Amino acid sequence: MNETRNPKRYDLEDRTLCFARDVISFTNLIPKTIANIEMIKQVVRSAGSIGANYIEANESLSKKDFALRIKICRKEAKETSYWLKLIETKENASLKTKQTLIGESVELTKIFGAIVEKTK
């Protein structure tokens, strides 16, 4: 059966991977001030952690472990949004990218929040 994928629907593993890659690409474009260097380290860690924890959730051995990993995904998505908001940008293109990334981190937070609610 040949199934056509809806471009609006993403596999969450793919979506979180793309998000982490987009965050890394963004951090390569922003000014390397002392403050930004520290924020970059934090945002790259938290953005990558979202997908890594989601993969672990999918491999969990129990419902309790799954719920815990999904809560960590939600926490890391919130944290990523926080670090993105702190990063200083100078150019309009960087600012627009930053706003897009913040929007995606908020969406991921909501998605993982909904999954948490469904696992209760």
PDB file of N, CA and C in Angstrom:
ATOM      1  N   MET A   1       0.844  -1.175   0.000  1.00  0.00           N
ATOM      2  CA  MET A   1       0.000   0.000   0.000  1.00  0.00           C
ATOM      3  C   MET A   1       0.889   1.238   0.000  1.00  0.00           C
ATOM      4  N   ASN A   2       0.680   2.146  -0.923  1.00  0.00           N
ATOM      5  CA  ASN A   2       1.464   3.367  -1.028  1.00  0.00           C
ATOM      6  C   ASN A   2       0.741   4.484  -0.288  1.00  0.00           C
ATOM      7  N   GLU A   3       1.315   4.904   0.836  1.00  0.00           N
ATOM      8  CA  GLU A   3       0.659   5.900   1.683  1.00  0.00           C
ATOM      9  C   GLU A   3       1.302   7.264   1.473  1.00  0.00           C
ATOM     10  N   THR A   4       0.490   8.271   1.212  1.00  0.00           N
ATOM     11  CA  THR A   4       0.998   9.624   1.054  1.00  0.00           C
ATOM     12  C   THR A   4       1.054  10.290   2.411  1.00  0.00           C
ATOM     13  N   ARG A   5       2.196  10.894   2.722  1.00  0.00           N
ATOM     14  CA  ARG A   5       2.363  11.561   4.012  1.00  0.00           C
ATOM     15  C   ARG A   5       1.844  12.971   3.956  1.00  0.00           C
ATOM     16  N   ASN A   6       1.121  13.339   4.960  1.00  0.00           N
ATOM     17  CA  ASN A   6       0.651  14.706   5.113  1.00  0.00           C
ATOM     18  C   ASN A   6       1.831  15.536   5.590  1.00  0.00           C
ATOM     19  N   PRO A   7       2.221  16.606   4.851  1.00  0.00           N
ATOM     20  CA  PRO A   7       3.391  17.394   5.249  1.00  0.00           C
ATOM     21  C   PRO A   7       3.232  18.067   6.612  1.00  0.00           C
ATOM     22  N   LYS A   8       2.013  18.244   7.089  1.00  0.00           N
ATOM     23  CA  LYS A   8       1.778  18.861   8.396  1.00  0.00           C
ATOM     24  C   LYS A   8       2.012  17.865   9.537  1.00  0.00           C
ATOM     25  N   ARG A   9       1.938  16.571   9.218  1.00  0.00           N
ATOM     26  CA  ARG A   9       2.130  15.538  10.248  1.00  0.00           C
ATOM     27  C   ARG A   9       3.559  15.038  10.177  1.00  0.00           C
ATOM     28  N   TYR A  10       4.189  14.980  11.310  1.00  0.00           N
ATOM     29  CA  TYR A  10       5.565  14.522  11.369  1.00  0.00           C
ATOM     30  C   TYR A  10       5.672  13.374  12.353  1.00  0.00           C
ATOM     31  N   ASP A  11       6.569  12.492  12.086  1.00  0.00           N
ATOM     32  CA  ASP A  11       6.981  11.539  13.085  1.00  0.00           C
ATOM     33  C   ASP A  11       7.740  12.365  14.129  1.00  0.00           C
ATOM     34  N   LEU A  12       7.416  12.211  15.394  1.00  0.00           N
ATOM     35  CA  LEU A  12       8.038  13.040  16.429  1.00  0.00           C
ATOM     36  C   LEU A  12       9.542  12.821  16.528  1.00  0.00           C
ATOM     37  N   GLU A  13      10.031  11.622  16.235  1.00  0.00           N
ATOM     38  CA  GLU A  13      11.479  11.411  16.232  1.00  0.00           C
ATOM     39  C   GLU A  13      12.123  12.268  15.156  1.00  0.00           C
ATOM     40  N   ASP A  14      11.530  12.280  13.958  1.00  0.00           N
ATOM     41  CA  ASP A  14      12.053  13.108  12.873  1.00  0.00           C
ATOM     42  C   ASP A  14      11.924  14.591  13.207  1.00  0.00           C
ATOM     43  N   ARG A  15      10.790  14.947  13.748  1.00  0.00           N
ATOM     44  CA  ARG A  15      10.538  16.357  14.056  1.00  0.00           C
ATOM     45  C   ARG A  15      11.511  16.888  15.105  1.00  0.00           C
ATOM     46  N   THR A  16      11.767  16.098  16.142  1.00  0.00           N
ATOM     47  CA  THR A  16      12.689  16.553  17.175  1.00  0.00           C
ATOM     48  C   THR A  16      14.129  16.577  16.655  1.00  0.00           C
ATOM     49  N   LEU A  17      14.464  15.644  15.766  1.00  0.00           N
ATOM     50  CA  LEU A  17      15.789  15.653  15.146  1.00  0.00           C
ATOM     51  C   LEU A  17      15.971  16.901  14.285  1.00  0.00           C
ATOM     52  N   CYS A  18      14.985  17.198  13.456  1.00  0.00           N
ATOM     53  CA  CYS A  18      15.043  18.407  12.613  1.00  0.00           C
ATOM     54  C   CYS A  18      15.130  19.668  13.470  1.00  0.00           C
ATOM     55  N   PHE A  19      14.389  19.690  14.560  1.00  0.00           N
ATOM     56  CA  PHE A  19      14.418  20.844  15.448  1.00  0.00           C
ATOM     57  C   PHE A  19      15.820  21.037  16.032  1.00  0.00           C
ATOM     58  N   ALA A  20      16.426  19.957  16.513  1.00  0.00           N
ATOM     59  CA  ALA A  20      17.777  20.060  17.074  1.00  0.00           C
ATOM     60  C   ALA A  20      18.766  20.542  16.015  1.00  0.00           C
ATOM     61  N   ARG A  21      18.643  20.019  14.811  1.00  0.00           N
ATOM     62  CA  ARG A  21      19.529  20.465  13.713  1.00  0.00           C
ATOM     63  C   ARG A  21      19.306  21.943  13.398  1.00  0.00           C
ATOM     64  N   ASP A  22      18.049  22.370  13.394  1.00  0.00           N
ATOM     65  CA  ASP A  22      17.743  23.787  13.126  1.00  0.00           C
ATOM     66  C   ASP A  22      18.320  24.693  14.215  1.00  0.00           C
ATOM     67  N   VAL A  23      18.256  24.249  15.453  1.00  0.00           N
ATOM     68  CA  VAL A  23      18.830  25.022  16.561  1.00  0.00           C
ATOM     69  C   VAL A  23      20.339  25.134  16.374  1.00  0.00           C
ATOM     70  N   ILE A  24      20.988  24.037  16.021  1.00  0.00           N
ATOM     71  CA  ILE A  24      22.437  24.055  15.797  1.00  0.00           C
ATOM     72  C   ILE A  24      22.788  25.001  14.647  1.00  0.00           C
ATOM     73  N   SER A  25      22.046  24.925  13.558  1.00  0.00           N
ATOM     74  CA  SER A  25      22.293  25.829  12.415  1.00  0.00           C
ATOM     75  C   SER A  25      22.129  27.289  12.825  1.00  0.00           C
ATOM     76  N   PHE A  26      21.096  27.556  13.609  1.00  0.00           N
ATOM     77  CA  PHE A  26      20.851  28.918  14.095  1.00  0.00           C
ATOM     78  C   PHE A  26      22.023  29.407  14.947  1.00  0.00           C
ATOM     79  N   THR A  27      22.508  28.551  15.836  1.00  0.00           N
ATOM     80  CA  THR A  27      23.590  28.977  16.725  1.00  0.00           C
ATOM     81  C   THR A  27      24.885  29.247  15.972  1.00  0.00           C
ATOM     82  N   ASN A  28      25.043  28.642  14.805  1.00  0.00           N
ATOM     83  CA  ASN A  28      26.227  28.910  13.993  1.00  0.00           C
ATOM     84  C   ASN A  28      26.184  30.284  13.337  1.00  0.00           C
ATOM     85  N   LEU A  29      25.010  30.911  13.305  1.00  0.00           N
ATOM     86  CA  LEU A  29      24.843  32.194  12.620  1.00  0.00           C
ATOM     87  C   LEU A  29      24.849  33.407  13.540  1.00  0.00           C
ATOM     88  N   ILE A  30      24.687  33.198  14.830  1.00  0.00           N
ATOM     89  CA  ILE A  30      24.540  34.338  15.738  1.00  0.00           C
ATOM     90  C   ILE A  30      25.898  34.829  16.245  1.00  0.00           C
ATOM     91  N   PRO A  31      25.945  36.096  16.711  1.00  0.00           N
ATOM     92  CA  PRO A  31      27.210  36.654  17.206  1.00  0.00           C
ATOM     93  C   PRO A  31      27.741  35.851  18.394  1.00  0.00           C
ATOM     94  N   LYS A  32      29.042  35.628  18.402  1.00  0.00           N
ATOM     95  CA  LYS A  32      29.669  34.835  19.471  1.00  0.00           C
ATOM     96  C   LYS A  32      30.153  35.753  20.602  1.00  0.00           C
ATOM     97  N   THR A  33      29.187  36.361  21.279  1.00  0.00           N
ATOM     98  CA  THR A  33      29.515  37.169  22.454  1.00  0.00           C
ATOM     99  C   THR A  33      29.757  36.218  23.628  1.00  0.00           C
ATOM    100  N   ILE A  34      30.315  36.732  24.695  1.00  0.00           N
ATOM    101  CA  ILE A  34      30.558  35.897  25.875  1.00  0.00           C
ATOM    102  C   ILE A  34      29.249  35.289  26.366  1.00  0.00           C
ATOM    103  N   ALA A  35      28.207  36.107  26.439  1.00  0.00           N
ATOM    104  CA  ALA A  35      26.906  35.607  26.901  1.00  0.00           C
ATOM    105  C   ALA A  35      26.340  34.570  25.937  1.00  0.00           C
ATOM    106  N   ASN A  36      26.378  34.867  24.639  1.00  0.00           N
ATOM    107  CA  ASN A  36      25.813  33.933  23.661  1.00  0.00           C
ATOM    108  C   ASN A  36      26.522  32.591  23.659  1.00  0.00           C
ATOM    109  N   ILE A  37      27.820  32.591  23.874  1.00  0.00           N
ATOM    110  CA  ILE A  37      28.555  31.323  23.886  1.00  0.00           C
ATOM    111  C   ILE A  37      27.999  30.399  24.964  1.00  0.00           C
ATOM    112  N   GLU A  38      27.717  30.949  26.132  1.00  0.00           N
ATOM    113  CA  GLU A  38      27.144  30.140  27.213  1.00  0.00           C
ATOM    114  C   GLU A  38      25.725  29.697  26.881  1.00  0.00           C
ATOM    115  N   MET A  39      24.935  30.596  26.296  1.00  0.00           N
ATOM    116  CA  MET A  39      23.554  30.247  25.926  1.00  0.00           C
ATOM    117  C   MET A  39      23.542  29.178  24.839  1.00  0.00           C
ATOM    118  N   ILE A  40      24.483  29.285  23.898  1.00  0.00           N
ATOM    119  CA  ILE A  40      24.569  28.305  22.809  1.00  0.00           C
ATOM    120  C   ILE A  40      24.799  26.909  23.373  1.00  0.00           C
ATOM    121  N   LYS A  41      25.719  26.795  24.315  1.00  0.00           N
ATOM    122  CA  LYS A  41      25.990  25.487  24.925  1.00  0.00           C
ATOM    123  C   LYS A  41      24.718  24.909  25.544  1.00  0.00           C
ATOM    124  N   GLN A  42      23.997  25.746  26.254  1.00  0.00           N
ATOM    125  CA  GLN A  42      22.782  25.288  26.935  1.00  0.00           C
ATOM    126  C   GLN A  42      21.687  24.899  25.940  1.00  0.00           C
ATOM    127  N   VAL A  43      21.459  25.756  24.941  1.00  0.00           N
ATOM    128  CA  VAL A  43      20.350  25.503  24.016  1.00  0.00           C
ATOM    129  C   VAL A  43      20.627  24.286  23.133  1.00  0.00           C
ATOM    130  N   VAL A  44      21.881  24.073  22.760  1.00  0.00           N
ATOM    131  CA  VAL A  44      22.209  22.896  21.952  1.00  0.00           C
ATOM    132  C   VAL A  44      21.969  21.623  22.770  1.00  0.00           C
ATOM    133  N   ARG A  45      22.354  21.649  24.036  1.00  0.00           N
ATOM    134  CA  ARG A  45      22.127  20.479  24.904  1.00  0.00           C
ATOM    135  C   ARG A  45      20.634  20.191  25.076  1.00  0.00           C
ATOM    136  N   SER A  46      19.882  21.228  25.417  1.00  0.00           N
ATOM    137  CA  SER A  46      18.458  20.990  25.699  1.00  0.00           C
ATOM    138  C   SER A  46      17.686  20.619  24.434  1.00  0.00           C
ATOM    139  N   ALA A  47      18.011  21.236  23.306  1.00  0.00           N
ATOM    140  CA  ALA A  47      17.306  20.913  22.054  1.00  0.00           C
ATOM    141  C   ALA A  47      17.586  19.473  21.633  1.00  0.00           C
ATOM    142  N   GLY A  48      18.834  19.032  21.773  1.00  0.00           N
ATOM    143  CA  GLY A  48      19.172  17.654  21.430  1.00  0.00           C
ATOM    144  C   GLY A  48      18.568  16.648  22.391  1.00  0.00           C
ATOM    145  N   SER A  49      18.417  17.059  23.621  1.00  0.00           N
ATOM    146  CA  SER A  49      17.874  16.177  24.656  1.00  0.00           C
ATOM    147  C   SER A  49      16.407  15.841  24.432  1.00  0.00           C
ATOM    148  N   ILE A  50      15.680  16.732  23.771  1.00  0.00           N
ATOM    149  CA  ILE A  50      14.257  16.475  23.511  1.00  0.00           C
ATOM    150  C   ILE A  50      14.106  15.175  22.720  1.00  0.00           C
ATOM    151  N   GLY A  51      14.786  15.105  21.596  1.00  0.00           N
ATOM    152  CA  GLY A  51      14.688  13.922  20.736  1.00  0.00           C
ATOM    153  C   GLY A  51      15.290  12.682  21.360  1.00  0.00           C
ATOM    154  N   ALA A  52      16.415  12.845  22.049  1.00  0.00           N
ATOM    155  CA  ALA A  52      17.064  11.699  22.688  1.00  0.00           C
ATOM    156  C   ALA A  52      16.142  11.069  23.730  1.00  0.00           C
ATOM    157  N   ASN A  53      15.484  11.901  24.513  1.00  0.00           N
ATOM    158  CA  ASN A  53      14.564  11.373  25.517  1.00  0.00           C
ATOM    159  C   ASN A  53      13.310  10.785  24.888  1.00  0.00           C
ATOM    160  N   TYR A  54      12.884  11.333  23.761  1.00  0.00           N
ATOM    161  CA  TYR A  54      11.725  10.761  23.078  1.00  0.00           C
ATOM    162  C   TYR A  54      12.049   9.356  22.557  1.00  0.00           C
ATOM    163  N   ILE A  55      13.251   9.190  22.022  1.00  0.00           N
ATOM    164  CA  ILE A  55      13.672   7.861  21.568  1.00  0.00           C
ATOM    165  C   ILE A  55      13.688   6.902  22.756  1.00  0.00           C
ATOM    166  N   GLU A  56      14.229   7.352  23.889  1.00  0.00           N
ATOM    167  CA  GLU A  56      14.239   6.508  25.089  1.00  0.00           C
ATOM    168  C   GLU A  56      12.818   6.181  25.551  1.00  0.00           C
ATOM    169  N   ALA A  57      11.907   7.139  25.436  1.00  0.00           N
ATOM    170  CA  ALA A  57      10.511   6.889  25.821  1.00  0.00           C
ATOM    171  C   ALA A  57       9.913   5.780  24.967  1.00  0.00           C
ATOM    172  N   ASN A  58      10.209   5.832  23.678  1.00  0.00           N
ATOM    173  CA  ASN A  58       9.664   4.812  22.773  1.00  0.00           C
ATOM    174  C   ASN A  58      10.250   3.428  23.031  1.00  0.00           C
ATOM    175  N   GLU A  59      11.397   3.376  23.674  1.00  0.00           N
ATOM    176  CA  GLU A  59      12.039   2.099  23.998  1.00  0.00           C
ATOM    177  C   GLU A  59      11.819   1.693  25.456  1.00  0.00           C
ATOM    178  N   SER A  60      10.976   2.440  26.158  1.00  0.00           N
ATOM    179  CA  SER A  60      10.777   2.180  27.590  1.00  0.00           C
ATOM    180  C   SER A  60      10.155   0.810  27.822  1.00  0.00           C
ATOM    181  N   LEU A  61      10.409   0.301  29.020  1.00  0.00           N
ATOM    182  CA  LEU A  61       9.929  -1.030  29.377  1.00  0.00           C
ATOM    183  C   LEU A  61       8.625  -1.002  30.160  1.00  0.00           C
ATOM    184  N   SER A  62       8.238   0.193  30.606  1.00  0.00           N
ATOM    185  CA  SER A  62       6.999   0.291  31.371  1.00  0.00           C
ATOM    186  C   SER A  62       6.287   1.603  31.052  1.00  0.00           C
ATOM    187  N   LYS A  63       5.012   1.634  31.400  1.00  0.00           N
ATOM    188  CA  LYS A  63       4.220   2.844  31.195  1.00  0.00           C
ATOM    189  C   LYS A  63       4.761   3.986  32.062  1.00  0.00           C
ATOM    190  N   LYS A  64       5.203   3.652  33.271  1.00  0.00           N
ATOM    191  CA  LYS A  64       5.750   4.650  34.190  1.00  0.00           C
ATOM    192  C   LYS A  64       7.032   5.267  33.615  1.00  0.00           C
ATOM    193  N   ASP A  65       7.900   4.431  33.070  1.00  0.00           N
ATOM    194  CA  ASP A  65       9.144   4.918  32.464  1.00  0.00           C
ATOM    195  C   ASP A  65       8.835   5.782  31.243  1.00  0.00           C
ATOM    196  N   PHE A  66       7.856   5.342  30.438  1.00  0.00           N
ATOM    197  CA  PHE A  66       7.446   6.126  29.270  1.00  0.00           C
ATOM    198  C   PHE A  66       6.992   7.519  29.701  1.00  0.00           C
ATOM    199  N   ALA A  67       6.118   7.575  30.703  1.00  0.00           N
ATOM    200  CA  ALA A  67       5.589   8.862  31.178  1.00  0.00           C
ATOM    201  C   ALA A  67       6.711   9.761  31.701  1.00  0.00           C
ATOM    202  N   LEU A  68       7.666   9.178  32.414  1.00  0.00           N
ATOM    203  CA  LEU A  68       8.795   9.945  32.936  1.00  0.00           C
ATOM    204  C   LEU A  68       9.615  10.547  31.803  1.00  0.00           C
ATOM    205  N   ARG A  69       9.918   9.765  30.792  1.00  0.00           N
ATOM    206  CA  ARG A  69      10.717  10.252  29.647  1.00  0.00           C
ATOM    207  C   ARG A  69       9.968  11.344  28.880  1.00  0.00           C
ATOM    208  N   ILE A  70       8.676  11.186  28.733  1.00  0.00           N
ATOM    209  CA  ILE A  70       7.888  12.209  28.031  1.00  0.00           C
ATOM    210  C   ILE A  70       7.875  13.501  28.842  1.00  0.00           C
ATOM    211  N   LYS A  71       7.792  13.391  30.157  1.00  0.00           N
ATOM    212  CA  LYS A  71       7.866  14.590  31.014  1.00  0.00           C
ATOM    213  C   LYS A  71       9.214  15.280  30.859  1.00  0.00           C
ATOM    214  N   ILE A  72      10.264  14.489  30.713  1.00  0.00           N
ATOM    215  CA  ILE A  72      11.594  15.071  30.489  1.00  0.00           C
ATOM    216  C   ILE A  72      11.632  15.772  29.132  1.00  0.00           C
ATOM    217  N   CYS A  73      11.009  15.189  28.120  1.00  0.00           N
ATOM    218  CA  CYS A  73      10.925  15.838  26.797  1.00  0.00           C
ATOM    219  C   CYS A  73      10.249  17.199  26.922  1.00  0.00           C
ATOM    220  N   ARG A  74       9.144  17.226  27.655  1.00  0.00           N
ATOM    221  CA  ARG A  74       8.415  18.485  27.857  1.00  0.00           C
ATOM    222  C   ARG A  74       9.284  19.504  28.579  1.00  0.00           C
ATOM    223  N   LYS A  75       9.982  19.052  29.616  1.00  0.00           N
ATOM    224  CA  LYS A  75      10.862  19.934  30.389  1.00  0.00           C
ATOM    225  C   LYS A  75      11.985  20.499  29.510  1.00  0.00           C
ATOM    226  N   GLU A  76      12.576  19.648  28.686  1.00  0.00           N
ATOM    227  CA  GLU A  76      13.673  20.082  27.818  1.00  0.00           C
ATOM    228  C   GLU A  76      13.175  21.045  26.743  1.00  0.00           C
ATOM    229  N   ALA A  77      11.965  20.838  26.251  1.00  0.00           N
ATOM    230  CA  ALA A  77      11.394  21.760  25.258  1.00  0.00           C
ATOM    231  C   ALA A  77      11.164  23.137  25.878  1.00  0.00           C
ATOM    232  N   LYS A  78      10.658  23.155  27.122  1.00  0.00           N
ATOM    233  CA  LYS A  78      10.475  24.434  27.833  1.00  0.00           C
ATOM    234  C   LYS A  78      11.816  25.123  28.047  1.00  0.00           C
ATOM    235  N   GLU A  79      12.804  24.336  28.452  1.00  0.00           N
ATOM    236  CA  GLU A  79      14.135  24.890  28.702  1.00  0.00           C
ATOM    237  C   GLU A  79      14.742  25.453  27.414  1.00  0.00           C
ATOM    238  N   THR A  80      14.553  24.758  26.312  1.00  0.00           N
ATOM    239  CA  THR A  80      15.071  25.234  25.032  1.00  0.00           C
ATOM    240  C   THR A  80      14.470  26.587  24.682  1.00  0.00           C
ATOM    241  N   SER A  81      13.177  26.729  24.887  1.00  0.00           N
ATOM    242  CA  SER A  81      12.505  28.000  24.639  1.00  0.00           C
ATOM    243  C   SER A  81      13.127  29.107  25.485  1.00  0.00           C
ATOM    244  N   TYR A  82      13.396  28.811  26.731  1.00  0.00           N
ATOM    245  CA  TYR A  82      14.001  29.775  27.654  1.00  0.00           C
ATOM    246  C   TYR A  82      15.368  30.242  27.137  1.00  0.00           C
ATOM    247  N   TRP A  83      16.232  29.288  26.778  1.00  0.00           N
ATOM    248  CA  TRP A  83      17.568  29.662  26.303  1.00  0.00           C
ATOM    249  C   TRP A  83      17.494  30.435  24.998  1.00  0.00           C
ATOM    250  N   LEU A  84      16.594  30.040  24.112  1.00  0.00           N
ATOM    251  CA  LEU A  84      16.445  30.775  22.848  1.00  0.00           C
ATOM    252  C   LEU A  84      16.058  32.227  23.098  1.00  0.00           C
ATOM    253  N   LYS A  85      15.183  32.446  24.068  1.00  0.00           N
ATOM    254  CA  LYS A  85      14.758  33.812  24.384  1.00  0.00           C
ATOM    255  C   LYS A  85      15.910  34.654  24.910  1.00  0.00           C
ATOM    256  N   LEU A  86      16.886  34.028  25.564  1.00  0.00           N
ATOM    257  CA  LEU A  86      18.019  34.762  26.119  1.00  0.00           C
ATOM    258  C   LEU A  86      19.106  35.092  25.093  1.00  0.00           C
ATOM    259  N   ILE A  87      19.165  34.327  24.021  1.00  0.00           N
ATOM    260  CA  ILE A  87      20.214  34.549  23.013  1.00  0.00           C
ATOM    261  C   ILE A  87      20.026  35.904  22.349  1.00  0.00           C
ATOM    262  N   GLU A  88      21.139  36.626  22.223  1.00  0.00           N
ATOM    263  CA  GLU A  88      21.132  37.946  21.582  1.00  0.00           C
ATOM    264  C   GLU A  88      21.298  37.778  20.075  1.00  0.00           C
ATOM    265  N   THR A  89      20.429  38.450  19.310  1.00  0.00           N
ATOM    266  CA  THR A  89      20.545  38.445  17.853  1.00  0.00           C
ATOM    267  C   THR A  89      20.636  39.884  17.367  1.00  0.00           C
ATOM    268  N   LYS A  90      21.364  40.079  16.290  1.00  0.00           N
ATOM    269  CA  LYS A  90      21.555  41.430  15.741  1.00  0.00           C
ATOM    270  C   LYS A  90      20.779  41.647  14.444  1.00  0.00           C
ATOM    271  N   GLU A  91      20.718  40.618  13.617  1.00  0.00           N
ATOM    272  CA  GLU A  91      20.115  40.756  12.289  1.00  0.00           C
ATOM    273  C   GLU A  91      18.658  40.311  12.294  1.00  0.00           C
ATOM    274  N   ASN A  92      17.885  40.905  11.388  1.00  0.00           N
ATOM    275  CA  ASN A  92      16.461  40.547  11.283  1.00  0.00           C
ATOM    276  C   ASN A  92      16.251  39.079  10.929  1.00  0.00           C
ATOM    277  N   ALA A  93      17.122  38.539  10.053  1.00  0.00           N
ATOM    278  CA  ALA A  93      16.981  37.138   9.648  1.00  0.00           C
ATOM    279  C   ALA A  93      17.178  36.225  10.856  1.00  0.00           C
ATOM    280  N   SER A  94      18.173  36.537  11.680  1.00  0.00           N
ATOM    281  CA  SER A  94      18.424  35.733  12.885  1.00  0.00           C
ATOM    282  C   SER A  94      17.264  35.855  13.862  1.00  0.00           C
ATOM    283  N   LEU A  95      16.724  37.057  13.981  1.00  0.00           N
ATOM    284  CA  LEU A  95      15.599  37.274  14.891  1.00  0.00           C
ATOM    285  C   LEU A  95      14.382  36.479  14.439  1.00  0.00           C
ATOM    286  N   LYS A  96      14.133  36.479  13.134  1.00  0.00           N
ATOM    287  CA  LYS A  96      12.994  35.734  12.599  1.00  0.00           C
ATOM    288  C   LYS A  96      13.183  34.226  12.825  1.00  0.00           C
ATOM    289  N   THR A  97      14.396  33.738  12.587  1.00  0.00           N
ATOM    290  CA  THR A  97      14.688  32.323  12.828  1.00  0.00           C
ATOM    291  C   THR A  97      14.509  31.987  14.295  1.00  0.00           C
ATOM    292  N   LYS A  98      14.999  32.862  15.165  1.00  0.00           N
ATOM    293  CA  LYS A  98      14.864  32.668  16.610  1.00  0.00           C
ATOM    294  C   LYS A  98      13.385  32.563  16.995  1.00  0.00           C
ATOM    295  N   GLN A  99      12.553  33.444  16.463  1.00  0.00           N
ATOM    296  CA  GLN A  99      11.123  33.419  16.772  1.00  0.00           C
ATOM    297  C   GLN A  99      10.470  32.129  16.273  1.00  0.00           C
ATOM    298  N   THR A 100      10.886  31.664  15.104  1.00  0.00           N
ATOM    299  CA  THR A 100      10.365  30.409  14.556  1.00  0.00           C
ATOM    300  C   THR A 100      10.748  29.245  15.455  1.00  0.00           C
ATOM    301  N   LEU A 101      11.994  29.222  15.913  1.00  0.00           N
ATOM    302  CA  LEU A 101      12.455  28.148  16.787  1.00  0.00           C
ATOM    303  C   LEU A 101      11.736  28.176  18.130  1.00  0.00           C
ATOM    304  N   ILE A 102      11.513  29.355  18.663  1.00  0.00           N
ATOM    305  CA  ILE A 102      10.760  29.470  19.919  1.00  0.00           C
ATOM    306  C   ILE A 102       9.351  28.921  19.721  1.00  0.00           C
ATOM    307  N   GLY A 103       8.742  29.255  18.591  1.00  0.00           N
ATOM    308  CA  GLY A 103       7.405  28.743  18.283  1.00  0.00           C
ATOM    309  C   GLY A 103       7.375  27.224  18.215  1.00  0.00           C
ATOM    310  N   GLU A 104       8.384  26.640  17.595  1.00  0.00           N
ATOM    311  CA  GLU A 104       8.448  25.179  17.506  1.00  0.00           C
ATOM    312  C   GLU A 104       8.674  24.559  18.884  1.00  0.00           C
ATOM    313  N   SER A 105       9.498  25.180  19.715  1.00  0.00           N
ATOM    314  CA  SER A 105       9.723  24.618  21.053  1.00  0.00           C
ATOM    315  C   SER A 105       8.442  24.690  21.888  1.00  0.00           C
ATOM    316  N   VAL A 106       7.656  25.739  21.699  1.00  0.00           N
ATOM    317  CA  VAL A 106       6.371  25.852  22.402  1.00  0.00           C
ATOM    318  C   VAL A 106       5.416  24.765  21.912  1.00  0.00           C
ATOM    319  N   GLU A 107       5.383  24.536  20.594  1.00  0.00           N
ATOM    320  CA  GLU A 107       4.529  23.474  20.051  1.00  0.00           C
ATOM    321  C   GLU A 107       4.935  22.106  20.587  1.00  0.00           C
ATOM    322  N   LEU A 108       6.245  21.849  20.625  1.00  0.00           N
ATOM    323  CA  LEU A 108       6.723  20.574  21.159  1.00  0.00           C
ATOM    324  C   LEU A 108       6.346  20.423  22.628  1.00  0.00           C
ATOM    325  N   THR A 109       6.442  21.514  23.385  1.00  0.00           N
ATOM    326  CA  THR A 109       6.039  21.484  24.791  1.00  0.00           C
ATOM    327  C   THR A 109       4.579  21.078  24.905  1.00  0.00           C
ATOM    328  N   LYS A 110       3.736  21.646  24.072  1.00  0.00           N
ATOM    329  CA  LYS A 110       2.301  21.323  24.099  1.00  0.00           C
ATOM    330  C   LYS A 110       2.044  19.872  23.687  1.00  0.00           C
ATOM    331  N   ILE A 111       2.748  19.407  22.678  1.00  0.00           N
ATOM    332  CA  ILE A 111       2.573  18.020  22.220  1.00  0.00           C
ATOM    333  C   ILE A 111       2.942  17.049  23.333  1.00  0.00           C
ATOM    334  N   PHE A 112       4.102  17.281  23.954  1.00  0.00           N
ATOM    335  CA  PHE A 112       4.529  16.374  25.022  1.00  0.00           C
ATOM    336  C   PHE A 112       3.635  16.509  26.247  1.00  0.00           C
ATOM    337  N   GLY A 113       3.122  17.707  26.487  1.00  0.00           N
ATOM    338  CA  GLY A 113       2.160  17.896  27.574  1.00  0.00           C
ATOM    339  C   GLY A 113       0.886  17.104  27.341  1.00  0.00           C
ATOM    340  N   ALA A 114       0.419  17.084  26.102  1.00  0.00           N
ATOM    341  CA  ALA A 114      -0.786  16.315  25.759  1.00  0.00           C
ATOM    342  C   ALA A 114      -0.533  14.814  25.930  1.00  0.00           C
ATOM    343  N   ILE A 115       0.665  14.373  25.552  1.00  0.00           N
ATOM    344  CA  ILE A 115       0.997  12.952  25.717  1.00  0.00           C
ATOM    345  C   ILE A 115       1.024  12.597  27.200  1.00  0.00           C
ATOM    346  N   VAL A 116       1.591  13.475  28.009  1.00  0.00           N
ATOM    347  CA  VAL A 116       1.616  13.249  29.467  1.00  0.00           C
ATOM    348  C   VAL A 116       0.198  13.088  30.001  1.00  0.00           C
ATOM    349  N   GLU A 117      -0.700  13.964  29.588  1.00  0.00           N
ATOM    350  CA  GLU A 117      -2.087  13.889  30.049  1.00  0.00           C
ATOM    351  C   GLU A 117      -2.758  12.593  29.631  1.00  0.00           C
ATOM    352  N   LYS A 118      -2.461  12.126  28.422  1.00  0.00           N
ATOM    353  CA  LYS A 118      -3.084  10.888  27.929  1.00  0.00           C
ATOM    354  C   LYS A 118      -2.547   9.655  28.637  1.00  0.00           C
ATOM    355  N   THR A 119      -1.345   9.741  29.194  1.00  0.00           N
ATOM    356  CA  THR A 119      -0.758   8.574  29.874  1.00  0.00           C
ATOM    357  C   THR A 119      -1.217   8.445  31.308  1.00  0.00           C
ATOM    358  N   LYS A 120      -1.930   9.453  31.820  1.00  0.00           N
ATOM    359  CA  LYS A 120      -2.403   9.398  33.209  1.00  0.00           C
ATOM    360  C   LYS A 120      -3.534   8.399  33.374  1.00  0.00           C
TER     361      LYS A 120
END
